[in-house]
Amino acid sequence: MGEVGRWRSAAARAHFRTVYEAGMAALPVVGESVDVPTTFGTVRAYRFGCTAVAGVPAERPVVLLPGRNASTPMGAPNLPGLLARRTVYCVDLLGEPGLSLQQLPLTGAADQAWWMGELLTGLGLDSVHLMGVSFGGWSAVNYALHHPARVASLALLDPVMTFAPIPIRTMVAFIPMGLPHTPQWLRRRVLRWITGGAAVSDDSPVAALIDAGTADFELHQPAPTLFTDAQLRALDMPVLALIAGRSVIHEGQRAADTARAVLRHGQVELWASASHAISGEFPDEIAARAHRFWDGVDG
């Protein structure tokens, strides 16, 4: 039987919780916090924005999925712009550092899609726009492939292992991030490389969150596998793919070319100056582009 993600120690859990709460304090006011039971564990989700008013049609909500070793506070740069027009649900992915509690091992893509479906059911969401950052983008596509009827659209922000593979040099660079005694200076160096050379500030709640997630939590997740062209062609919903030109998790031009070739209803853009940290680098531009996309989908 496989293992589940776990904290490296009680002290590590306490340290991450402190960083997590500091990150949450930087977010807009939470409308509702929910712990949803699923087959594989309890999933923490937050609703930001107003609930529907009787007699007034509500905009279709957005479910925002964070990247690897991250959680809800990663959405700090993006939430203000997204909330201008939509209700947004943020999720701490099961098996990742956060306040979700994994209880059974995830054995593959089908399991990962299954718990997400149970989460949406628990939240009472029948049709949503999924927006995913990096691994969150992979998770969004994976869910849409397994349960397409509940996905109105996909907005993918430099999604990993979706349109192109991870380069070997990046896989090697990531290895120290999963080791328990990697010094902080090396973790910060890797994070700086991922963000295209931008300085990783000690004052950044998002950087602190990812740093703590890699240091304090031991991942036991099945590695995401690259989607086939046939799988991507099967996506029958509109897809907005914003690919970072300076990304290190794939070759940006190759990813954009593949997305344009295989997506049946794709809007693909290569943002040449963006790094893999695109969600934090261009939050206003992403919000504006996403709202135009969602407005078009909803008619």
Protein backbone atom coordinates (compact mmCIF):
# COMPACT_ATOMS: atom_id res chain seq x y z
CA MET A 1 0.00 0.00 0.00
CA GLY A 2 1.30 3.46 -0.85
CA GLU A 3 2.02 6.30 1.51
CA VAL A 4 0.28 9.60 2.11
CA GLY A 5 1.79 13.06 2.34
CA ARG A 6 2.85 13.98 5.85
CA TRP A 7 4.60 16.62 7.93
CA ARG A 8 8.25 15.93 8.66
CA SER A 9 7.69 16.62 12.38
CA ALA A 10 5.32 18.37 14.78
CA ALA A 11 7.63 21.39 14.71
CA ALA A 12 7.55 21.44 10.90
CA ARG A 13 3.75 21.36 10.94
CA ALA A 14 3.64 24.24 13.43
CA HIS A 15 6.11 26.26 11.36
CA PHE A 16 4.12 25.76 8.17
CA ARG A 17 0.87 26.68 9.94
CA THR A 18 2.42 29.98 11.05
CA VAL A 19 3.54 30.77 7.49
CA TYR A 20 0.17 29.66 6.10
CA GLU A 21 -1.79 31.90 8.44
CA ALA A 22 0.45 34.86 7.57
CA GLY A 23 -0.27 34.16 3.91
CA MET A 24 -4.02 33.94 4.54
CA ALA A 25 -3.90 37.32 6.28
CA ALA A 26 -2.72 38.85 2.99
CA LEU A 27 -5.81 37.60 1.12
CA PRO A 28 -9.20 39.27 0.72
CA VAL A 29 -11.78 38.42 3.38
CA VAL A 30 -12.82 34.77 3.30
CA GLY A 31 -16.55 34.37 2.78
CA GLU A 32 -16.63 30.74 3.88
CA SER A 33 -14.19 28.02 4.91
CA VAL A 34 -15.23 24.41 4.29
CA ASP A 35 -13.67 21.02 5.01
CA VAL A 36 -15.16 18.57 2.50
CA PRO A 37 -14.88 14.83 3.17
CA THR A 38 -13.78 12.73 0.17
CA THR A 39 -12.75 9.12 -0.37
CA PHE A 40 -9.07 10.01 -0.01
CA GLY A 41 -9.24 12.58 2.79
CA THR A 42 -10.71 15.88 3.88
CA VAL A 43 -10.18 18.81 1.51
CA ARG A 44 -9.98 22.40 2.72
CA ALA A 45 -11.63 24.95 0.42
CA TYR A 46 -12.42 28.65 0.77
CA ARG A 47 -15.05 30.78 -0.90
CA PHE A 48 -14.14 34.37 -1.69
CA GLY A 49 -16.77 36.79 -2.90
CA CYS A 50 -20.52 37.06 -2.52
CA THR A 51 -23.06 34.28 -2.48
CA ALA A 52 -25.85 34.30 -5.05
CA VAL A 53 -28.81 36.60 -4.37
CA ALA A 54 -32.31 35.19 -4.87
CA GLY A 55 -33.74 36.18 -8.24
CA VAL A 56 -30.41 37.46 -9.58
CA PRO A 57 -28.43 35.18 -11.94
CA ALA A 58 -24.99 34.53 -10.48
CA GLU A 59 -21.85 34.50 -12.58
CA ARG A 60 -20.48 30.99 -12.94
CA PRO A 61 -17.83 30.59 -10.21
CA VAL A 62 -14.12 30.03 -10.64
CA VAL A 63 -12.19 27.29 -8.83
CA LEU A 64 -8.52 28.27 -8.45
CA LEU A 65 -5.99 25.44 -8.08
CA PRO A 66 -2.47 26.23 -6.81
CA GLY A 67 0.88 24.82 -7.88
CA ARG A 68 2.97 22.11 -6.28
CA ASN A 69 4.12 22.64 -2.68
CA ALA A 70 1.66 25.54 -2.44
CA SER A 71 -1.89 26.10 -1.21
CA THR A 72 -4.59 28.77 -1.04
CA PRO A 73 -2.30 31.69 -0.02
CA MET A 74 -0.57 31.31 -3.41
CA GLY A 75 -3.60 33.09 -4.85
CA ALA A 76 -2.74 36.40 -3.13
CA PRO A 77 -1.69 38.25 -6.31
CA ASN A 78 -4.63 36.98 -8.36
CA LEU A 79 -7.66 37.06 -6.10
CA PRO A 80 -8.34 40.83 -6.09
CA GLY A 81 -8.61 40.99 -9.88
CA LEU A 82 -10.61 37.78 -10.20
CA LEU A 83 -13.03 38.80 -7.45
CA ALA A 84 -13.92 41.98 -9.31
CA ARG A 85 -16.31 39.90 -11.40
CA ARG A 86 -16.54 36.37 -10.06
CA THR A 87 -16.91 34.30 -6.93
CA VAL A 88 -13.70 32.30 -6.48
CA TYR A 89 -13.16 29.04 -4.62
CA CYS A 90 -9.58 28.26 -3.59
CA VAL A 91 -8.48 24.72 -2.78
CA ASP A 92 -5.64 23.21 -0.78
CA LEU A 93 -4.85 20.25 -3.04
CA LEU A 94 -5.02 16.87 -1.35
CA GLY A 95 -1.58 15.41 -0.74
CA GLU A 96 0.13 18.81 -0.87
CA PRO A 97 1.20 21.04 2.07
CA GLY A 98 -1.87 22.88 3.30
CA LEU A 99 -4.86 22.28 5.53
CA SER A 100 -6.30 19.38 3.56
CA LEU A 101 -5.80 16.04 5.33
CA GLN A 102 -4.94 13.04 3.16
CA GLN A 103 -6.00 9.68 4.59
CA LEU A 104 -5.57 7.22 1.71
CA PRO A 105 -2.83 7.04 -0.95
CA LEU A 106 -3.45 8.52 -4.38
CA THR A 107 -2.43 5.89 -6.90
CA GLY A 108 -2.81 7.83 -10.13
CA ALA A 109 -4.65 10.37 -12.23
CA ALA A 110 -8.06 8.73 -11.77
CA ASP A 111 -7.81 9.03 -7.97
CA GLN A 112 -6.81 12.69 -8.25
CA ALA A 113 -9.82 13.40 -10.45
CA TRP A 114 -12.13 11.42 -8.16
CA TRP A 115 -11.49 13.43 -5.01
CA MET A 116 -11.84 16.68 -6.92
CA GLY A 117 -15.24 15.58 -8.18
CA GLU A 118 -16.30 14.77 -4.63
CA LEU A 119 -15.05 18.19 -3.56
CA LEU A 120 -17.16 20.00 -6.17
CA THR A 121 -20.18 17.94 -5.13
CA GLY A 122 -19.57 18.83 -1.49
CA LEU A 123 -19.37 22.51 -2.41
CA GLY A 124 -22.62 22.25 -4.40
CA LEU A 125 -20.92 23.28 -7.66
CA ASP A 126 -22.41 21.72 -10.79
CA SER A 127 -20.58 23.80 -13.42
CA VAL A 128 -17.37 25.76 -12.87
CA HIS A 129 -14.53 27.52 -14.61
CA LEU A 130 -11.30 25.80 -13.51
CA MET A 131 -8.16 27.94 -13.33
CA GLY A 132 -4.90 26.19 -12.50
CA VAL A 133 -1.34 27.37 -11.94
CA SER A 134 1.50 24.98 -12.87
CA PHE A 135 0.59 21.62 -11.24
CA GLY A 136 -2.84 23.11 -10.60
CA GLY A 137 -3.18 23.46 -14.37
CA TRP A 138 -2.33 19.79 -14.83
CA SER A 139 -4.89 18.94 -12.13
CA ALA A 140 -7.56 21.00 -13.90
CA VAL A 141 -6.96 19.26 -17.24
CA ASN A 142 -6.89 15.86 -15.53
CA TYR A 143 -10.25 16.49 -13.90
CA ALA A 144 -11.77 17.78 -17.16
CA LEU A 145 -10.68 14.60 -18.95
CA HIS A 146 -12.35 12.38 -16.36
CA HIS A 147 -15.47 14.47 -15.66
CA PRO A 148 -15.99 16.93 -18.53
CA ALA A 149 -19.67 17.63 -17.91
CA ARG A 150 -18.95 19.75 -14.84
CA VAL A 151 -16.22 21.91 -16.42
CA ALA A 152 -17.40 24.97 -18.35
CA SER A 153 -13.86 26.02 -19.26
CA LEU A 154 -10.18 25.68 -18.39
CA ALA A 155 -7.79 28.59 -17.79
CA LEU A 156 -4.24 27.25 -17.58
CA LEU A 157 -1.33 29.35 -16.34
CA ASP A 158 1.91 27.75 -17.57
CA PRO A 159 0.64 24.24 -16.74
CA VAL A 160 3.26 21.59 -16.05
CA MET A 161 3.33 18.27 -18.01
CA THR A 162 0.41 19.35 -20.15
CA PHE A 163 1.67 20.50 -23.54
CA ALA A 164 5.37 19.65 -23.24
CA PRO A 165 7.62 17.59 -20.94
CA ILE A 166 9.76 18.89 -18.10
CA PRO A 167 13.38 19.36 -19.24
CA ILE A 168 15.96 17.09 -17.60
CA ARG A 169 17.85 20.08 -16.16
CA THR A 170 14.69 21.19 -14.35
CA MET A 171 14.01 17.74 -12.94
CA VAL A 172 17.56 17.65 -11.58
CA ALA A 173 17.20 21.14 -10.09
CA PHE A 174 14.00 20.11 -8.28
CA ILE A 175 15.61 17.15 -6.48
CA PRO A 176 16.98 19.14 -3.50
CA MET A 177 13.54 20.69 -2.93
CA GLY A 178 12.18 17.34 -1.78
CA LEU A 179 14.99 16.52 0.64
CA PRO A 180 14.51 17.22 4.37
CA HIS A 181 17.83 18.92 5.16
CA THR A 182 18.35 21.07 2.09
CA PRO A 183 19.62 24.48 3.32
CA GLN A 184 17.31 27.43 2.86
CA TRP A 185 19.81 29.28 0.66
CA LEU A 186 19.68 26.43 -1.86
CA ARG A 187 15.88 26.29 -1.78
CA ARG A 188 15.79 30.04 -2.42
CA ARG A 189 18.29 29.67 -5.26
CA VAL A 190 16.09 27.08 -6.97
CA LEU A 191 12.99 29.24 -6.44
CA ARG A 192 14.81 32.22 -7.91
CA TRP A 193 15.71 30.17 -10.97
CA ILE A 194 12.08 29.06 -11.36
CA THR A 195 10.93 32.68 -11.21
CA GLY A 196 13.27 33.73 -13.99
CA GLY A 197 15.94 35.24 -11.78
CA ALA A 198 13.69 37.48 -9.70
CA ALA A 199 14.84 37.97 -6.13
CA VAL A 200 12.93 35.83 -3.62
CA SER A 201 12.03 38.30 -0.90
CA ASP A 202 11.73 37.28 2.73
CA ASP A 203 8.69 39.58 2.83
CA SER A 204 6.83 37.67 0.11
CA PRO A 205 4.06 35.51 1.65
CA VAL A 206 3.90 33.35 -1.48
CA ALA A 207 7.65 32.69 -1.55
CA ALA A 208 7.61 31.93 2.18
CA LEU A 209 4.67 29.56 1.67
CA ILE A 210 6.39 27.53 -1.06
CA ASP A 211 9.67 27.54 0.86
CA ALA A 212 7.92 26.22 3.98
CA GLY A 213 5.93 23.68 1.96
CA THR A 214 9.06 22.12 0.48
CA ALA A 215 10.93 22.16 3.80
CA ASP A 216 8.17 21.04 6.17
CA PHE A 217 6.13 18.53 4.15
CA GLU A 218 7.01 15.15 2.68
CA LEU A 219 5.18 14.57 -0.61
CA HIS A 220 3.90 11.14 -1.59
CA GLN A 221 2.04 11.91 -4.79
CA PRO A 222 2.05 10.04 -8.09
CA ALA A 223 4.08 12.08 -10.55
CA PRO A 224 1.96 13.82 -13.18
CA THR A 225 2.27 12.14 -16.56
CA LEU A 226 2.36 14.10 -19.81
CA PHE A 227 -1.03 14.17 -21.52
CA THR A 228 -1.15 12.60 -24.97
CA ASP A 229 -2.26 14.54 -28.04
CA ALA A 230 -5.35 12.33 -28.18
CA GLN A 231 -6.29 13.23 -24.62
CA LEU A 232 -5.87 16.95 -25.28
CA ARG A 233 -7.93 16.72 -28.48
CA ALA A 234 -10.70 15.12 -26.42
CA LEU A 235 -11.18 18.28 -24.37
CA ASP A 236 -14.52 19.60 -25.59
CA MET A 237 -14.65 22.78 -23.52
CA PRO A 238 -12.99 26.16 -24.21
CA VAL A 239 -9.39 26.33 -23.01
CA LEU A 240 -7.35 29.46 -22.35
CA ALA A 241 -3.66 28.55 -22.18
CA LEU A 242 -1.21 31.26 -21.14
CA ILE A 243 2.30 29.92 -21.68
CA ALA A 244 5.37 31.61 -20.18
CA GLY A 245 8.08 32.32 -22.73
CA ARG A 246 10.84 32.10 -20.09
CA SER A 247 9.44 29.08 -18.29
CA VAL A 248 11.80 26.40 -17.00
CA ILE A 249 9.15 23.69 -16.62
CA HIS A 250 8.89 23.26 -20.39
CA GLU A 251 10.11 24.89 -23.58
CA GLY A 252 7.55 27.65 -23.99
CA GLN A 253 7.39 27.82 -27.77
CA ARG A 254 7.06 24.04 -28.03
CA ALA A 255 4.27 24.01 -25.44
CA ALA A 256 2.39 26.80 -27.23
CA ASP A 257 2.77 25.11 -30.63
CA THR A 258 1.44 21.84 -29.25
CA ALA A 259 -1.49 23.54 -27.55
CA ARG A 260 -2.45 25.33 -30.76
CA ALA A 261 -2.21 22.10 -32.74
CA VAL A 262 -4.26 19.84 -30.46
CA LEU A 263 -6.86 21.93 -28.62
CA ARG A 264 -10.20 21.92 -30.40
CA HIS A 265 -11.43 25.05 -28.65
CA GLY A 266 -8.17 26.63 -27.55
CA GLN A 267 -7.08 30.20 -27.11
CA VAL A 268 -3.31 29.94 -26.76
CA GLU A 269 -0.96 32.81 -25.97
CA LEU A 270 2.80 32.78 -25.47
CA TRP A 271 3.70 35.57 -23.03
CA ALA A 272 7.32 36.07 -24.02
CA SER A 273 8.50 38.02 -20.98
CA ALA A 274 6.83 35.80 -18.37
CA SER A 275 8.62 33.20 -16.26
CA HIS A 276 6.97 30.19 -14.64
CA ALA A 277 5.92 32.66 -11.91
CA ILE A 278 3.50 34.19 -14.43
CA SER A 279 0.59 34.26 -11.96
CA GLY A 280 2.49 36.61 -9.65
CA GLU A 281 4.22 38.61 -12.37
CA PHE A 282 1.11 39.61 -14.33
CA PRO A 283 -1.92 39.35 -12.02
CA ASP A 284 -3.82 42.31 -13.48
CA GLU A 285 -3.24 41.23 -17.07
CA ILE A 286 -4.26 37.65 -16.25
CA ALA A 287 -7.45 38.80 -14.53
CA ALA A 288 -8.43 41.00 -17.48
CA ARG A 289 -7.72 38.24 -20.00
CA ALA A 290 -9.52 35.61 -17.94
CA HIS A 291 -12.63 37.73 -17.51
CA ARG A 292 -12.86 38.30 -21.28
CA PHE A 293 -12.48 34.56 -21.77
CA TRP A 294 -15.12 33.62 -19.20
CA ASP A 295 -17.55 36.25 -20.47
CA GLY A 296 -17.22 34.75 -23.94
CA VAL A 297 -17.79 31.23 -22.62
CA ASP A 298 -20.87 32.22 -20.63
CA GLY A 299 -22.28 34.22 -23.52
